[in-house]
N, C-alpha and C. Protein backbone atom coordinates (compact mmCIF):
# COMPACT_ATOMS: atom_id res chain seq x y z
N UNK A 1 0.85 -1.19 0.00
CA UNK A 1 0.00 0.00 0.00
C UNK A 1 0.89 1.25 0.00
N UNK A 2 0.63 2.22 -0.91
CA UNK A 2 1.46 3.42 -0.98
C UNK A 2 1.32 4.26 0.30
N UNK A 3 2.38 4.99 0.60
CA UNK A 3 2.36 5.86 1.76
C UNK A 3 1.30 6.94 1.59
N UNK A 4 0.74 7.41 2.71
CA UNK A 4 -0.21 8.52 2.60
C UNK A 4 0.51 9.80 2.15
N UNK A 5 -0.26 10.69 1.55
CA UNK A 5 0.26 11.97 1.07
C UNK A 5 -0.30 13.06 1.96
N UNK A 6 0.52 14.05 2.29
CA UNK A 6 0.03 15.20 3.04
C UNK A 6 -0.21 16.35 2.08
N UNK A 7 -1.30 17.06 2.31
CA UNK A 7 -1.65 18.22 1.49
C UNK A 7 -2.14 19.33 2.40
N UNK A 8 -1.66 20.53 2.15
CA UNK A 8 -2.12 21.71 2.88
C UNK A 8 -3.37 22.23 2.18
N UNK A 9 -4.40 22.51 2.96
CA UNK A 9 -5.63 23.07 2.39
C UNK A 9 -5.34 24.50 1.92
N UNK A 10 -5.65 24.81 0.66
CA UNK A 10 -5.40 26.17 0.17
C UNK A 10 -6.29 27.23 0.82
N UNK A 11 -7.40 26.80 1.43
CA UNK A 11 -8.31 27.77 2.04
C UNK A 11 -7.97 28.04 3.50
N UNK A 12 -7.83 26.97 4.33
CA UNK A 12 -7.67 27.19 5.77
C UNK A 12 -6.27 26.87 6.30
N UNK A 13 -5.42 26.23 5.48
CA UNK A 13 -4.05 25.95 5.89
C UNK A 13 -3.88 24.68 6.70
N UNK A 14 -4.95 23.93 6.92
CA UNK A 14 -4.85 22.67 7.66
C UNK A 14 -4.09 21.64 6.84
N UNK A 15 -3.24 20.87 7.49
CA UNK A 15 -2.53 19.78 6.81
C UNK A 15 -3.42 18.53 6.86
N UNK A 16 -3.67 17.96 5.70
CA UNK A 16 -4.50 16.77 5.56
C UNK A 16 -3.63 15.59 5.13
N UNK A 17 -3.97 14.41 5.61
CA UNK A 17 -3.30 13.17 5.19
C UNK A 17 -4.30 12.30 4.49
N UNK A 18 -3.94 11.80 3.32
CA UNK A 18 -4.85 10.91 2.60
C UNK A 18 -4.07 9.90 1.79
N UNK A 19 -4.70 8.78 1.47
CA UNK A 19 -4.02 7.77 0.65
C UNK A 19 -3.67 8.35 -0.72
N UNK A 20 -2.50 8.01 -1.23
CA UNK A 20 -2.05 8.53 -2.53
C UNK A 20 -3.06 8.22 -3.62
N UNK A 21 -3.73 7.10 -3.54
CA UNK A 21 -4.72 6.71 -4.55
C UNK A 21 -5.95 7.58 -4.57
N UNK A 22 -6.16 8.39 -3.55
CA UNK A 22 -7.34 9.27 -3.50
C UNK A 22 -7.09 10.67 -4.03
N UNK A 23 -5.87 10.94 -4.48
CA UNK A 23 -5.56 12.29 -4.96
C UNK A 23 -6.47 12.72 -6.10
N UNK A 24 -6.77 11.82 -7.02
CA UNK A 24 -7.59 12.20 -8.18
C UNK A 24 -9.08 12.02 -7.92
N UNK A 25 -9.47 11.69 -6.70
CA UNK A 25 -10.88 11.47 -6.38
C UNK A 25 -11.55 12.72 -5.80
N UNK A 26 -10.96 13.89 -6.01
CA UNK A 26 -11.56 15.13 -5.52
C UNK A 26 -11.53 15.26 -4.01
N UNK A 27 -10.36 15.07 -3.38
CA UNK A 27 -10.31 15.13 -1.91
C UNK A 27 -10.67 16.51 -1.38
N UNK A 28 -11.24 16.50 -0.17
CA UNK A 28 -11.62 17.74 0.51
C UNK A 28 -10.90 17.84 1.84
N UNK A 29 -10.75 19.05 2.32
CA UNK A 29 -10.11 19.31 3.60
C UNK A 29 -10.96 18.72 4.73
N UNK A 30 -10.31 18.05 5.65
CA UNK A 30 -11.02 17.49 6.79
C UNK A 30 -11.55 18.55 7.73
N UNK A 31 -10.95 19.74 7.74
CA UNK A 31 -11.37 20.80 8.65
C UNK A 31 -12.46 21.70 8.05
N UNK A 32 -12.21 22.27 6.88
CA UNK A 32 -13.16 23.25 6.32
C UNK A 32 -14.00 22.70 5.17
N UNK A 33 -13.69 21.49 4.73
CA UNK A 33 -14.43 20.79 3.65
C UNK A 33 -14.22 21.39 2.26
N UNK A 34 -13.29 22.33 2.12
CA UNK A 34 -12.99 22.91 0.80
C UNK A 34 -12.23 21.88 -0.03
N UNK A 35 -12.36 21.94 -1.37
CA UNK A 35 -11.56 21.03 -2.20
C UNK A 35 -10.07 21.31 -2.01
N UNK A 36 -9.28 20.23 -1.97
CA UNK A 36 -7.84 20.41 -1.85
C UNK A 36 -7.22 20.79 -3.19
N UNK A 37 -7.92 20.50 -4.28
CA UNK A 37 -7.53 20.94 -5.63
C UNK A 37 -8.79 21.45 -6.31
N UNK A 38 -8.69 22.61 -6.97
CA UNK A 38 -9.88 23.15 -7.64
C UNK A 38 -9.60 23.66 -9.05
N UNK A 39 -8.45 23.31 -9.63
CA UNK A 39 -8.15 23.72 -10.99
C UNK A 39 -7.64 25.14 -11.12
N UNK A 40 -7.33 25.78 -9.99
CA UNK A 40 -6.81 27.15 -9.99
C UNK A 40 -5.53 27.19 -9.16
N UNK A 41 -4.55 27.97 -9.57
CA UNK A 41 -3.35 28.09 -8.74
C UNK A 41 -3.71 28.77 -7.42
N UNK A 42 -2.97 28.42 -6.39
CA UNK A 42 -3.19 28.97 -5.05
C UNK A 42 -2.33 30.23 -4.91
N UNK A 43 -2.94 31.35 -4.52
CA UNK A 43 -2.18 32.58 -4.26
C UNK A 43 -1.60 32.47 -2.85
N UNK A 44 -0.28 32.58 -2.75
CA UNK A 44 0.39 32.40 -1.46
C UNK A 44 1.20 33.62 -1.07
N UNK A 45 1.16 33.92 0.23
CA UNK A 45 2.09 34.89 0.79
C UNK A 45 3.31 34.09 1.26
N UNK A 46 4.27 34.74 1.91
CA UNK A 46 5.48 34.03 2.31
C UNK A 46 5.19 32.89 3.29
N UNK A 47 4.34 33.13 4.29
CA UNK A 47 4.02 32.09 5.27
C UNK A 47 3.31 30.91 4.60
N UNK A 48 2.38 31.20 3.70
CA UNK A 48 1.67 30.14 3.00
C UNK A 48 2.60 29.34 2.11
N UNK A 49 3.51 30.03 1.44
CA UNK A 49 4.50 29.34 0.61
C UNK A 49 5.32 28.37 1.46
N UNK A 50 5.81 28.83 2.60
CA UNK A 50 6.63 27.98 3.45
C UNK A 50 5.84 26.79 3.97
N UNK A 51 4.57 27.00 4.31
CA UNK A 51 3.71 25.90 4.78
C UNK A 51 3.56 24.84 3.70
N UNK A 52 3.26 25.26 2.47
CA UNK A 52 3.11 24.31 1.37
C UNK A 52 4.44 23.64 1.04
N UNK A 53 5.52 24.41 1.04
CA UNK A 53 6.84 23.88 0.73
C UNK A 53 7.22 22.76 1.71
N UNK A 54 6.97 22.99 2.99
CA UNK A 54 7.37 22.05 4.04
C UNK A 54 6.43 20.86 4.17
N UNK A 55 5.14 21.03 3.84
CA UNK A 55 4.16 19.99 4.17
C UNK A 55 3.52 19.28 3.00
N UNK A 56 3.43 19.91 1.83
CA UNK A 56 2.76 19.25 0.71
C UNK A 56 3.58 18.04 0.25
N UNK A 57 2.90 16.93 0.03
CA UNK A 57 3.55 15.70 -0.40
C UNK A 57 3.60 15.53 -1.90
N UNK A 58 3.21 16.56 -2.64
CA UNK A 58 3.31 16.55 -4.10
C UNK A 58 4.24 17.70 -4.50
N UNK A 59 4.85 17.62 -5.69
CA UNK A 59 5.72 18.72 -6.11
C UNK A 59 4.96 20.06 -6.14
N UNK A 60 5.64 21.11 -5.76
CA UNK A 60 5.08 22.46 -5.71
C UNK A 60 5.67 23.27 -6.86
N UNK A 61 4.82 23.71 -7.78
CA UNK A 61 5.25 24.53 -8.92
C UNK A 61 4.76 25.95 -8.67
N UNK A 62 5.70 26.87 -8.54
CA UNK A 62 5.36 28.25 -8.18
C UNK A 62 5.69 29.19 -9.33
N UNK A 63 4.72 30.05 -9.64
CA UNK A 63 4.90 31.14 -10.59
C UNK A 63 5.18 32.39 -9.78
N UNK A 64 6.43 32.87 -9.82
CA UNK A 64 6.78 34.13 -9.18
C UNK A 64 6.52 35.23 -10.19
N UNK A 65 5.74 36.22 -9.80
CA UNK A 65 5.24 37.23 -10.72
C UNK A 65 5.08 38.57 -10.01
N UNK A 66 4.70 39.60 -10.78
CA UNK A 66 4.38 40.92 -10.23
C UNK A 66 3.31 41.56 -11.12
N UNK A 67 2.46 42.35 -10.51
CA UNK A 67 1.35 42.97 -11.26
C UNK A 67 1.85 43.97 -12.30
N UNK A 68 3.01 44.56 -12.10
CA UNK A 68 3.55 45.54 -13.04
C UNK A 68 4.23 44.89 -14.24
N UNK A 69 4.33 43.57 -14.26
CA UNK A 69 5.07 42.83 -15.29
C UNK A 69 4.12 42.38 -16.40
N UNK A 70 4.30 42.93 -17.60
CA UNK A 70 3.46 42.56 -18.74
C UNK A 70 3.52 41.08 -19.09
N UNK A 71 4.73 40.50 -19.24
CA UNK A 71 4.80 39.07 -19.52
C UNK A 71 4.16 38.20 -18.44
N UNK A 72 4.22 38.65 -17.18
CA UNK A 72 3.57 37.91 -16.09
C UNK A 72 2.06 37.88 -16.31
N UNK A 73 1.50 39.02 -16.66
CA UNK A 73 0.05 39.09 -16.90
C UNK A 73 -0.34 38.26 -18.11
N UNK A 74 0.53 38.22 -19.14
CA UNK A 74 0.24 37.40 -20.33
C UNK A 74 0.29 35.92 -19.99
N UNK A 75 1.18 35.52 -19.09
CA UNK A 75 1.33 34.11 -18.76
C UNK A 75 0.26 33.62 -17.77
N UNK A 76 -0.39 34.50 -17.05
CA UNK A 76 -1.34 34.10 -16.01
C UNK A 76 -2.40 33.12 -16.52
N UNK A 77 -3.07 33.38 -17.65
CA UNK A 77 -4.08 32.40 -18.10
C UNK A 77 -3.46 31.08 -18.54
N UNK A 78 -2.23 31.11 -19.01
CA UNK A 78 -1.54 29.88 -19.40
C UNK A 78 -1.22 29.04 -18.16
N UNK A 79 -0.79 29.70 -17.10
CA UNK A 79 -0.50 28.99 -15.85
C UNK A 79 -1.79 28.39 -15.28
N UNK A 80 -2.88 29.12 -15.41
CA UNK A 80 -4.20 28.62 -14.97
C UNK A 80 -4.56 27.35 -15.75
N UNK A 81 -4.37 27.36 -17.07
CA UNK A 81 -4.66 26.17 -17.88
C UNK A 81 -3.76 25.01 -17.48
N UNK A 82 -2.50 25.30 -17.23
CA UNK A 82 -1.55 24.25 -16.81
C UNK A 82 -1.98 23.64 -15.48
N UNK A 83 -2.55 24.45 -14.61
CA UNK A 83 -3.01 23.94 -13.31
C UNK A 83 -4.03 22.84 -13.51
N UNK A 84 -4.97 23.05 -14.41
CA UNK A 84 -6.01 22.04 -14.66
C UNK A 84 -5.42 20.74 -15.19
N UNK A 85 -4.29 20.81 -15.88
CA UNK A 85 -3.67 19.60 -16.41
C UNK A 85 -2.75 18.91 -15.41
N UNK A 86 -2.11 19.68 -14.55
CA UNK A 86 -1.11 19.10 -13.64
C UNK A 86 -1.67 18.65 -12.29
N UNK A 87 -2.77 19.26 -11.83
CA UNK A 87 -3.35 18.79 -10.57
C UNK A 87 -3.97 17.42 -10.78
N UNK A 88 -3.94 16.53 -9.83
CA UNK A 88 -3.45 16.63 -8.45
C UNK A 88 -2.02 16.12 -8.28
N UNK A 89 -1.31 15.89 -9.37
CA UNK A 89 0.07 15.40 -9.24
C UNK A 89 1.03 16.49 -8.80
N UNK A 90 0.62 17.74 -8.93
CA UNK A 90 1.40 18.90 -8.52
C UNK A 90 0.48 19.87 -7.79
N UNK A 91 1.04 20.68 -6.92
CA UNK A 91 0.34 21.84 -6.35
C UNK A 91 0.90 23.04 -7.09
N UNK A 92 0.03 23.82 -7.74
CA UNK A 92 0.47 25.02 -8.45
C UNK A 92 0.10 26.25 -7.64
N UNK A 93 1.04 27.18 -7.54
CA UNK A 93 0.83 28.36 -6.73
C UNK A 93 1.44 29.58 -7.40
N UNK A 94 0.95 30.74 -6.98
CA UNK A 94 1.47 32.02 -7.45
C UNK A 94 1.94 32.81 -6.24
N UNK A 95 3.13 33.39 -6.36
CA UNK A 95 3.65 34.24 -5.29
C UNK A 95 4.04 35.57 -5.94
N UNK A 96 3.47 36.65 -5.43
CA UNK A 96 3.79 37.98 -5.92
C UNK A 96 5.10 38.45 -5.30
N UNK A 97 6.05 38.77 -6.15
CA UNK A 97 7.34 39.27 -5.64
C UNK A 97 7.19 40.67 -5.04
N UNK A 98 6.11 41.38 -5.40
CA UNK A 98 5.83 42.69 -4.81
C UNK A 98 5.35 42.53 -3.37
N UNK A 99 4.59 41.46 -3.11
CA UNK A 99 4.04 41.24 -1.77
C UNK A 99 4.96 40.41 -0.89
N UNK A 100 5.91 39.69 -1.48
CA UNK A 100 6.84 38.86 -0.71
C UNK A 100 8.28 39.13 -1.16
N UNK A 101 8.74 40.39 -1.05
CA UNK A 101 10.08 40.72 -1.54
C UNK A 101 11.19 40.00 -0.78
N UNK A 102 11.02 39.76 0.50
CA UNK A 102 12.06 39.07 1.27
C UNK A 102 12.21 37.63 0.79
N UNK A 103 11.11 36.99 0.48
CA UNK A 103 11.15 35.62 -0.04
C UNK A 103 11.84 35.59 -1.40
N UNK A 104 11.47 36.54 -2.26
CA UNK A 104 12.10 36.62 -3.59
C UNK A 104 13.60 36.82 -3.46
N UNK A 105 14.00 37.65 -2.53
CA UNK A 105 15.43 37.89 -2.31
C UNK A 105 16.12 36.62 -1.82
N UNK A 106 15.50 35.95 -0.84
CA UNK A 106 16.09 34.74 -0.27
C UNK A 106 16.25 33.63 -1.31
N UNK A 107 15.30 33.56 -2.26
CA UNK A 107 15.35 32.54 -3.30
C UNK A 107 16.20 32.97 -4.51
N UNK A 108 16.71 34.18 -4.48
CA UNK A 108 17.57 34.65 -5.57
C UNK A 108 16.81 34.91 -6.86
N UNK A 109 15.59 35.40 -6.74
CA UNK A 109 14.78 35.68 -7.93
C UNK A 109 15.18 37.05 -8.47
N UNK A 110 15.68 37.04 -9.70
CA UNK A 110 16.18 38.28 -10.32
C UNK A 110 15.29 38.75 -11.46
N UNK A 111 14.56 37.84 -12.08
CA UNK A 111 13.69 38.20 -13.19
C UNK A 111 12.38 37.43 -13.12
N UNK A 112 11.34 38.04 -13.63
CA UNK A 112 10.02 37.43 -13.63
C UNK A 112 9.40 37.59 -15.01
N UNK A 113 8.46 36.74 -15.40
CA UNK A 113 7.95 35.61 -14.64
C UNK A 113 9.00 34.51 -14.50
N UNK A 114 8.91 33.80 -13.39
CA UNK A 114 9.84 32.72 -13.11
C UNK A 114 9.08 31.55 -12.51
N UNK A 115 9.20 30.40 -13.13
CA UNK A 115 8.63 29.17 -12.57
C UNK A 115 9.72 28.46 -11.80
N UNK A 116 9.38 28.03 -10.58
CA UNK A 116 10.33 27.26 -9.77
C UNK A 116 9.59 26.01 -9.29
N UNK A 117 10.22 24.86 -9.49
CA UNK A 117 9.65 23.59 -9.07
C UNK A 117 10.38 23.11 -7.83
N UNK A 118 9.60 22.78 -6.80
CA UNK A 118 10.12 22.26 -5.55
C UNK A 118 9.60 20.85 -5.37
N UNK A 119 10.44 19.99 -4.87
CA UNK A 119 10.05 18.61 -4.63
C UNK A 119 10.71 18.18 -3.33
N UNK A 120 9.91 17.65 -2.41
CA UNK A 120 10.47 17.26 -1.12
C UNK A 120 11.05 18.43 -0.35
N UNK A 121 10.49 19.63 -0.56
CA UNK A 121 10.95 20.81 0.16
C UNK A 121 12.18 21.48 -0.42
N UNK A 122 12.69 20.95 -1.54
CA UNK A 122 13.90 21.52 -2.15
C UNK A 122 13.64 21.94 -3.59
N UNK A 123 14.31 23.00 -4.01
CA UNK A 123 14.21 23.43 -5.40
C UNK A 123 14.88 22.40 -6.30
N UNK A 124 14.16 22.00 -7.37
CA UNK A 124 14.75 21.03 -8.31
C UNK A 124 14.93 21.63 -9.70
N UNK A 125 14.21 22.72 -10.01
CA UNK A 125 14.36 23.33 -11.34
C UNK A 125 13.74 24.72 -11.34
N UNK A 126 14.22 25.55 -12.26
CA UNK A 126 13.60 26.87 -12.47
C UNK A 126 13.66 27.20 -13.95
N UNK A 127 12.67 27.97 -14.39
CA UNK A 127 12.56 28.34 -15.80
C UNK A 127 12.06 29.78 -15.87
N UNK A 128 12.84 30.65 -16.49
CA UNK A 128 12.46 32.05 -16.63
C UNK A 128 11.70 32.27 -17.92
N UNK A 129 10.83 33.28 -17.92
CA UNK A 129 10.13 33.69 -19.12
C UNK A 129 8.72 33.12 -19.22
N UNK A 130 7.90 33.84 -19.99
CA UNK A 130 6.52 33.41 -20.21
C UNK A 130 6.49 32.21 -21.14
N UNK A 131 5.57 31.28 -20.84
CA UNK A 131 5.43 30.06 -21.65
C UNK A 131 3.96 29.74 -21.82
N UNK A 132 3.62 29.06 -22.92
CA UNK A 132 2.24 28.59 -23.07
C UNK A 132 2.02 27.39 -22.14
N UNK A 133 0.75 27.09 -21.87
CA UNK A 133 0.39 26.01 -20.96
C UNK A 133 1.04 24.69 -21.33
N UNK A 134 1.07 24.37 -22.62
CA UNK A 134 1.63 23.08 -23.04
C UNK A 134 3.11 22.96 -22.66
N UNK A 135 3.85 24.05 -22.77
CA UNK A 135 5.28 24.03 -22.39
C UNK A 135 5.45 23.98 -20.88
N UNK A 136 4.57 24.66 -20.15
CA UNK A 136 4.63 24.61 -18.68
C UNK A 136 4.42 23.18 -18.21
N UNK A 137 3.41 22.52 -18.77
CA UNK A 137 3.09 21.13 -18.39
C UNK A 137 4.25 20.21 -18.72
N UNK A 138 4.76 20.30 -19.93
CA UNK A 138 5.86 19.43 -20.35
C UNK A 138 7.10 19.67 -19.50
N UNK A 139 7.44 20.94 -19.25
CA UNK A 139 8.61 21.27 -18.45
C UNK A 139 8.46 20.74 -17.02
N UNK A 140 7.30 20.95 -16.41
CA UNK A 140 7.08 20.51 -15.02
C UNK A 140 7.19 18.99 -14.91
N UNK A 141 6.57 18.28 -15.82
CA UNK A 141 6.62 16.81 -15.76
C UNK A 141 8.05 16.30 -15.95
N UNK A 142 8.78 16.89 -16.89
CA UNK A 142 10.16 16.45 -17.13
C UNK A 142 11.04 16.78 -15.92
N UNK A 143 10.88 17.95 -15.35
CA UNK A 143 11.71 18.38 -14.23
C UNK A 143 11.43 17.59 -12.96
N UNK A 144 10.20 17.12 -12.80
CA UNK A 144 9.83 16.38 -11.59
C UNK A 144 10.17 14.91 -11.68
N UNK A 145 10.47 14.43 -12.89
CA UNK A 145 10.73 13.00 -13.07
C UNK A 145 12.01 12.54 -12.42
């Protein structure tokens, strides 16, 4: 039997444990009953990012962006489409470098948009520049393998 997977609820922050085989069955948070995956990237502040990084049992793909960045705004709908294809095998999130500048500095983020893939709490890959959904999906799957 596969090990259970832990997932942080994007709504209330509760850590949930569930069998790996139930990831695609539309799991809900045990505390607030919200879906653990809903086809949309999760907007995270620094504390939320750290919670997901440390506790989520699936790879975390983060789009670091800023509202003043034209390419970031162009990529937003593509990242949304990629979310629908990659969940529940990945948790997709967005972190605004304007709202979390200390985190961006700590991670060495120099240009945006920037996708960073974390697995097991560690960075495993990063990709700069806007991409269509199909390239985001292909890149994430290859980088997580």
